[in-house]
């Protein structure tokens, strides 16, 4: 893997939003964390997708799905004091933890990620 995808990046691809083409170009070497898979599927169902269709939209993409483990849990928790005032979600911190562990950039549409230094390179898709 050379890049970790946030759910916002995957959703931009699925919905054909600006930046989706950047995500598409990165897919073959991309990974997504199970936490972000869950978040993306939830957001798709919020927008009216049937659960099975939402699940296939994510799991059918040619990317590596990485399980959330204890090491990532501890790292994501360590980010909380730094990210709290910027209102990062648990899924945001989990994604950034994977990017840091793998020493690769995180791809996101969330500009707030540029406001903190977690030792992770963040690449915005728009």
N, C-alpha and C. Protein backbone atom coordinates (compact mmCIF):
# COMPACT_ATOMS: atom_id res chain seq x y z
N UNK A 1 0.83 -1.18 0.00
CA UNK A 1 0.00 0.00 0.00
C UNK A 1 0.87 1.24 0.00
N UNK A 2 0.43 2.22 -0.77
CA UNK A 2 1.18 3.48 -0.82
C UNK A 2 0.34 4.66 -0.35
N UNK A 3 -0.95 4.42 -0.09
CA UNK A 3 -1.85 5.47 0.38
C UNK A 3 -2.99 4.83 1.17
N UNK A 4 -3.47 5.56 2.19
CA UNK A 4 -4.61 5.11 2.98
C UNK A 4 -5.78 6.04 2.68
N UNK A 5 -6.94 5.45 2.42
CA UNK A 5 -8.11 6.24 2.07
C UNK A 5 -9.02 6.49 3.27
N UNK A 6 -9.44 7.71 3.41
CA UNK A 6 -10.48 8.08 4.37
C UNK A 6 -11.82 7.80 3.71
N UNK A 7 -12.87 7.65 4.51
CA UNK A 7 -14.18 7.39 3.92
C UNK A 7 -14.62 8.54 3.01
N UNK A 8 -14.23 9.77 3.32
CA UNK A 8 -14.61 10.89 2.45
C UNK A 8 -14.04 10.74 1.05
N UNK A 9 -12.86 10.17 0.94
CA UNK A 9 -12.25 9.95 -0.37
C UNK A 9 -13.00 8.88 -1.15
N UNK A 10 -13.34 7.79 -0.48
CA UNK A 10 -14.08 6.71 -1.14
C UNK A 10 -15.46 7.18 -1.57
N UNK A 11 -16.11 7.96 -0.71
CA UNK A 11 -17.43 8.47 -1.06
C UNK A 11 -17.37 9.43 -2.24
N UNK A 12 -16.32 10.23 -2.33
CA UNK A 12 -16.16 11.12 -3.49
C UNK A 12 -16.07 10.32 -4.77
N UNK A 13 -15.38 9.20 -4.72
CA UNK A 13 -15.28 8.33 -5.89
C UNK A 13 -16.65 7.75 -6.26
N UNK A 14 -17.33 7.20 -5.28
CA UNK A 14 -18.62 6.55 -5.53
C UNK A 14 -19.66 7.53 -6.05
N UNK A 15 -19.68 8.74 -5.50
CA UNK A 15 -20.68 9.73 -5.90
C UNK A 15 -20.25 10.58 -7.09
N UNK A 16 -19.06 10.33 -7.64
CA UNK A 16 -18.59 11.11 -8.77
C UNK A 16 -18.33 12.56 -8.43
N UNK A 17 -17.95 12.82 -7.19
CA UNK A 17 -17.69 14.18 -6.72
C UNK A 17 -16.29 14.64 -7.14
N UNK A 18 -16.05 15.95 -7.06
CA UNK A 18 -14.69 16.44 -7.33
C UNK A 18 -13.68 15.71 -6.44
N UNK A 19 -12.57 15.35 -7.03
CA UNK A 19 -11.54 14.60 -6.32
C UNK A 19 -11.66 13.10 -6.49
N UNK A 20 -12.81 12.65 -6.94
CA UNK A 20 -13.01 11.21 -7.15
C UNK A 20 -12.02 10.61 -8.13
N UNK A 21 -11.62 11.40 -9.11
CA UNK A 21 -10.65 10.91 -10.11
C UNK A 21 -9.28 10.69 -9.48
N UNK A 22 -8.94 11.47 -8.47
CA UNK A 22 -7.67 11.29 -7.75
C UNK A 22 -7.71 9.97 -6.98
N UNK A 23 -8.83 9.71 -6.36
CA UNK A 23 -9.01 8.45 -5.61
C UNK A 23 -8.94 7.27 -6.57
N UNK A 24 -9.63 7.37 -7.69
CA UNK A 24 -9.63 6.27 -8.67
C UNK A 24 -8.21 5.95 -9.13
N UNK A 25 -7.41 6.96 -9.36
CA UNK A 25 -6.03 6.75 -9.81
C UNK A 25 -5.17 6.08 -8.74
N UNK A 26 -5.55 6.24 -7.48
CA UNK A 26 -4.76 5.68 -6.37
C UNK A 26 -5.22 4.29 -5.93
N UNK A 27 -6.35 3.82 -6.42
CA UNK A 27 -6.96 2.59 -5.91
C UNK A 27 -6.07 1.37 -5.90
N UNK A 28 -5.31 1.15 -6.96
CA UNK A 28 -4.56 -0.11 -7.05
C UNK A 28 -3.51 -0.28 -5.96
N UNK A 29 -3.08 0.82 -5.37
CA UNK A 29 -2.08 0.76 -4.29
C UNK A 29 -2.64 1.29 -2.98
N UNK A 30 -3.97 1.34 -2.86
CA UNK A 30 -4.61 1.95 -1.70
C UNK A 30 -5.10 0.91 -0.70
N UNK A 31 -5.24 1.39 0.54
CA UNK A 31 -5.82 0.59 1.61
C UNK A 31 -6.87 1.43 2.32
N UNK A 32 -7.81 0.73 2.95
CA UNK A 32 -8.82 1.38 3.78
C UNK A 32 -8.98 0.53 5.03
N UNK A 33 -9.20 1.17 6.13
CA UNK A 33 -9.36 0.49 7.40
C UNK A 33 -10.82 0.04 7.56
N UNK A 34 -11.03 -1.08 8.23
CA UNK A 34 -12.40 -1.58 8.45
C UNK A 34 -13.29 -0.54 9.12
N UNK A 35 -12.73 0.28 9.98
CA UNK A 35 -13.49 1.35 10.63
C UNK A 35 -14.04 2.31 9.58
N UNK A 36 -13.24 2.65 8.59
CA UNK A 36 -13.67 3.57 7.54
C UNK A 36 -14.61 2.90 6.55
N UNK A 37 -14.48 1.59 6.37
CA UNK A 37 -15.45 0.84 5.57
C UNK A 37 -16.83 0.96 6.23
N UNK A 38 -16.88 0.75 7.53
CA UNK A 38 -18.13 0.85 8.27
C UNK A 38 -18.74 2.25 8.15
N UNK A 39 -17.90 3.26 8.31
CA UNK A 39 -18.37 4.64 8.21
C UNK A 39 -18.92 4.94 6.81
N UNK A 40 -18.22 4.50 5.78
CA UNK A 40 -18.65 4.76 4.41
C UNK A 40 -19.97 4.05 4.10
N UNK A 41 -20.10 2.80 4.54
CA UNK A 41 -21.35 2.07 4.31
C UNK A 41 -22.50 2.76 5.04
N UNK A 42 -22.26 3.21 6.26
CA UNK A 42 -23.30 3.92 7.01
C UNK A 42 -23.74 5.18 6.28
N UNK A 43 -22.79 5.92 5.73
CA UNK A 43 -23.13 7.16 5.01
C UNK A 43 -23.89 6.86 3.72
N UNK A 44 -23.53 5.77 3.06
CA UNK A 44 -24.26 5.38 1.85
C UNK A 44 -25.70 5.00 2.19
N UNK A 45 -25.90 4.25 3.26
CA UNK A 45 -27.27 3.88 3.65
C UNK A 45 -28.05 5.10 4.10
N UNK A 46 -27.38 6.07 4.72
CA UNK A 46 -28.05 7.33 5.08
C UNK A 46 -28.57 8.04 3.84
N UNK A 47 -27.90 7.84 2.73
CA UNK A 47 -28.30 8.49 1.47
C UNK A 47 -29.24 7.62 0.64
N UNK A 48 -29.74 6.55 1.23
CA UNK A 48 -30.76 5.76 0.57
C UNK A 48 -30.31 4.47 -0.08
N UNK A 49 -29.03 4.15 -0.03
CA UNK A 49 -28.55 2.88 -0.58
C UNK A 49 -29.05 1.73 0.29
N UNK A 50 -29.44 0.64 -0.34
CA UNK A 50 -29.72 -0.59 0.41
C UNK A 50 -28.40 -1.07 1.00
N UNK A 51 -28.46 -1.71 2.17
CA UNK A 51 -27.24 -2.13 2.85
C UNK A 51 -26.35 -3.00 1.97
N UNK A 52 -26.94 -3.98 1.27
CA UNK A 52 -26.14 -4.86 0.42
C UNK A 52 -25.47 -4.11 -0.73
N UNK A 53 -26.18 -3.16 -1.30
CA UNK A 53 -25.63 -2.36 -2.39
C UNK A 53 -24.50 -1.47 -1.87
N UNK A 54 -24.72 -0.88 -0.70
CA UNK A 54 -23.68 -0.03 -0.09
C UNK A 54 -22.44 -0.85 0.22
N UNK A 55 -22.66 -2.03 0.77
CA UNK A 55 -21.53 -2.91 1.10
C UNK A 55 -20.74 -3.28 -0.15
N UNK A 56 -21.41 -3.64 -1.21
CA UNK A 56 -20.73 -4.03 -2.45
C UNK A 56 -20.02 -2.84 -3.08
N UNK A 57 -20.60 -1.64 -2.95
CA UNK A 57 -19.96 -0.44 -3.51
C UNK A 57 -18.58 -0.23 -2.90
N UNK A 58 -18.42 -0.58 -1.64
CA UNK A 58 -17.13 -0.41 -0.96
C UNK A 58 -16.25 -1.63 -1.12
N UNK A 59 -16.78 -2.79 -0.78
CA UNK A 59 -15.95 -4.01 -0.79
C UNK A 59 -15.61 -4.46 -2.21
N UNK A 60 -16.34 -3.97 -3.20
CA UNK A 60 -16.05 -4.31 -4.59
C UNK A 60 -14.92 -3.50 -5.20
N UNK A 61 -14.45 -2.50 -4.49
CA UNK A 61 -13.35 -1.68 -5.00
C UNK A 61 -12.03 -2.45 -4.90
N UNK A 62 -11.14 -2.24 -5.86
CA UNK A 62 -9.86 -2.96 -5.85
C UNK A 62 -8.84 -2.33 -4.90
N UNK A 63 -9.11 -2.46 -3.62
CA UNK A 63 -8.19 -1.92 -2.62
C UNK A 63 -8.07 -2.89 -1.46
N UNK A 64 -7.04 -2.72 -0.67
CA UNK A 64 -6.78 -3.58 0.47
C UNK A 64 -7.59 -3.09 1.67
N UNK A 65 -8.34 -4.01 2.29
CA UNK A 65 -9.10 -3.67 3.50
C UNK A 65 -8.31 -4.21 4.69
N UNK A 66 -7.94 -3.30 5.60
CA UNK A 66 -7.09 -3.62 6.74
C UNK A 66 -7.93 -3.65 8.02
N UNK A 67 -7.76 -4.69 8.82
CA UNK A 67 -8.48 -4.81 10.09
C UNK A 67 -7.91 -3.87 11.14
N UNK A 68 -8.79 -3.32 11.95
CA UNK A 68 -8.41 -2.44 13.06
C UNK A 68 -7.95 -3.31 14.22
N UNK A 69 -6.70 -3.14 14.62
CA UNK A 69 -6.12 -3.98 15.68
C UNK A 69 -5.75 -3.15 16.90
N UNK A 70 -5.22 -3.82 17.92
CA UNK A 70 -4.88 -3.14 19.17
C UNK A 70 -3.83 -2.05 18.97
N UNK A 71 -2.83 -2.32 18.16
CA UNK A 71 -1.79 -1.31 17.91
C UNK A 71 -2.40 -0.03 17.33
N UNK A 72 -3.31 -0.20 16.36
CA UNK A 72 -3.97 0.96 15.76
C UNK A 72 -4.89 1.64 16.76
N UNK A 73 -5.56 0.85 17.59
CA UNK A 73 -6.45 1.42 18.61
C UNK A 73 -5.68 2.32 19.57
N UNK A 74 -4.52 1.86 20.01
CA UNK A 74 -3.71 2.64 20.94
C UNK A 74 -3.16 3.90 20.27
N UNK A 75 -2.74 3.77 19.02
CA UNK A 75 -2.22 4.94 18.31
C UNK A 75 -3.33 5.96 18.06
N UNK A 76 -4.50 5.49 17.62
CA UNK A 76 -5.63 6.40 17.39
C UNK A 76 -6.02 7.10 18.69
N UNK A 77 -6.01 6.38 19.79
CA UNK A 77 -6.34 6.99 21.09
C UNK A 77 -5.32 8.06 21.47
N UNK A 78 -4.06 7.83 21.12
CA UNK A 78 -3.02 8.82 21.46
C UNK A 78 -3.20 10.12 20.69
N UNK A 79 -3.94 10.09 19.58
CA UNK A 79 -4.19 11.28 18.78
C UNK A 79 -5.30 12.16 19.38
N UNK A 80 -6.10 11.60 20.26
CA UNK A 80 -7.28 12.31 20.78
C UNK A 80 -6.95 13.68 21.39
N UNK A 81 -5.96 13.80 22.28
CA UNK A 81 -5.69 15.12 22.86
C UNK A 81 -5.33 16.18 21.81
N UNK A 82 -4.67 15.77 20.76
CA UNK A 82 -4.24 16.71 19.71
C UNK A 82 -5.39 17.09 18.79
N UNK A 83 -6.30 16.15 18.54
CA UNK A 83 -7.36 16.36 17.55
C UNK A 83 -8.69 16.79 18.15
N UNK A 84 -8.80 16.73 19.45
CA UNK A 84 -10.08 16.98 20.11
C UNK A 84 -10.70 18.32 19.73
N UNK A 85 -9.93 19.38 19.80
CA UNK A 85 -10.51 20.71 19.52
C UNK A 85 -10.86 20.90 18.04
N UNK A 86 -10.35 20.03 17.19
CA UNK A 86 -10.68 20.08 15.76
C UNK A 86 -11.82 19.14 15.42
N UNK A 87 -12.35 18.46 16.42
CA UNK A 87 -13.51 17.57 16.30
C UNK A 87 -13.29 16.44 15.30
N UNK A 88 -12.13 15.83 15.35
CA UNK A 88 -11.88 14.65 14.53
C UNK A 88 -12.72 13.50 15.07
N UNK A 89 -13.30 12.73 14.19
CA UNK A 89 -14.06 11.55 14.61
C UNK A 89 -13.11 10.41 14.94
N UNK A 90 -13.66 9.39 15.57
CA UNK A 90 -12.89 8.18 15.84
C UNK A 90 -12.37 7.61 14.52
N UNK A 91 -13.22 7.57 13.49
CA UNK A 91 -12.81 7.02 12.19
C UNK A 91 -11.68 7.85 11.58
N UNK A 92 -11.72 9.16 11.75
CA UNK A 92 -10.63 10.02 11.26
C UNK A 92 -9.31 9.62 11.91
N UNK A 93 -9.34 9.50 13.24
CA UNK A 93 -8.12 9.16 13.98
C UNK A 93 -7.64 7.75 13.63
N UNK A 94 -8.56 6.84 13.40
CA UNK A 94 -8.18 5.48 13.02
C UNK A 94 -7.49 5.47 11.66
N UNK A 95 -8.04 6.20 10.70
CA UNK A 95 -7.43 6.28 9.37
C UNK A 95 -6.03 6.87 9.45
N UNK A 96 -5.89 7.93 10.20
CA UNK A 96 -4.59 8.58 10.35
C UNK A 96 -3.59 7.67 11.07
N UNK A 97 -4.08 6.86 11.99
CA UNK A 97 -3.20 5.91 12.69
C UNK A 97 -2.64 4.88 11.71
N UNK A 98 -3.49 4.38 10.81
CA UNK A 98 -3.00 3.41 9.81
C UNK A 98 -1.97 4.07 8.90
N UNK A 99 -2.26 5.28 8.45
CA UNK A 99 -1.30 5.98 7.58
C UNK A 99 0.04 6.18 8.28
N UNK A 100 -0.03 6.53 9.55
CA UNK A 100 1.23 6.73 10.29
C UNK A 100 1.98 5.41 10.45
N UNK A 101 1.27 4.35 10.82
CA UNK A 101 1.93 3.06 11.00
C UNK A 101 2.58 2.59 9.70
N UNK A 102 1.90 2.79 8.60
CA UNK A 102 2.40 2.33 7.29
C UNK A 102 3.37 3.32 6.66
N UNK A 103 3.51 4.49 7.28
CA UNK A 103 4.38 5.54 6.76
C UNK A 103 4.03 5.92 5.32
N UNK A 104 2.72 6.12 5.11
CA UNK A 104 2.26 6.54 3.79
C UNK A 104 1.21 7.63 3.99
N UNK A 105 0.91 8.39 2.95
CA UNK A 105 -0.06 9.48 3.09
C UNK A 105 -1.49 8.98 3.25
N UNK A 106 -2.29 9.83 3.87
CA UNK A 106 -3.73 9.61 3.97
C UNK A 106 -4.41 10.52 2.95
N UNK A 107 -5.32 9.97 2.19
CA UNK A 107 -6.06 10.71 1.17
C UNK A 107 -7.44 11.03 1.72
N UNK A 108 -7.81 12.31 1.75
CA UNK A 108 -9.06 12.73 2.37
C UNK A 108 -9.59 13.99 1.71
N UNK A 109 -10.87 14.26 1.96
CA UNK A 109 -11.47 15.53 1.55
C UNK A 109 -11.59 16.48 2.74
N UNK A 110 -11.14 16.05 3.90
CA UNK A 110 -11.30 16.80 5.15
C UNK A 110 -10.14 17.77 5.38
N UNK A 111 -10.38 19.04 5.13
CA UNK A 111 -9.34 20.07 5.26
C UNK A 111 -8.85 20.24 6.70
N UNK A 112 -9.66 19.90 7.67
CA UNK A 112 -9.26 20.03 9.07
C UNK A 112 -8.03 19.19 9.38
N UNK A 113 -7.80 18.16 8.60
CA UNK A 113 -6.65 17.29 8.82
C UNK A 113 -5.33 18.04 8.64
N UNK A 114 -5.36 19.14 7.91
CA UNK A 114 -4.14 19.92 7.71
C UNK A 114 -3.80 20.79 8.92
N UNK A 115 -4.73 20.88 9.88
CA UNK A 115 -4.55 21.75 11.04
C UNK A 115 -3.80 21.11 12.19
N UNK A 116 -3.46 19.85 12.08
CA UNK A 116 -2.77 19.16 13.17
C UNK A 116 -1.54 18.43 12.62
N UNK A 117 -0.55 18.28 13.48
CA UNK A 117 0.65 17.55 13.10
C UNK A 117 0.71 16.25 13.88
N UNK A 118 0.39 15.16 13.18
CA UNK A 118 0.41 13.83 13.79
C UNK A 118 1.52 12.98 13.20
N UNK A 119 2.40 13.61 12.44
CA UNK A 119 3.46 12.84 11.79
C UNK A 119 2.95 12.05 10.61
N UNK A 120 1.86 12.53 10.02
CA UNK A 120 1.23 11.86 8.87
C UNK A 120 1.12 12.85 7.73
N UNK A 121 1.49 12.43 6.54
CA UNK A 121 1.28 13.25 5.36
C UNK A 121 -0.18 13.12 4.94
N UNK A 122 -0.84 14.25 4.76
CA UNK A 122 -2.24 14.27 4.33
C UNK A 122 -2.31 14.88 2.95
N UNK A 123 -2.98 14.19 2.04
CA UNK A 123 -3.19 14.69 0.68
C UNK A 123 -4.68 14.91 0.48
N UNK A 124 -5.05 16.15 0.22
CA UNK A 124 -6.45 16.47 -0.02
C UNK A 124 -6.83 16.15 -1.46
N UNK A 125 -8.05 15.65 -1.63
CA UNK A 125 -8.51 15.32 -2.98
C UNK A 125 -9.19 16.51 -3.65
N UNK A 126 -9.50 17.53 -2.87
CA UNK A 126 -10.10 18.77 -3.41
C UNK A 126 -9.85 19.93 -2.49
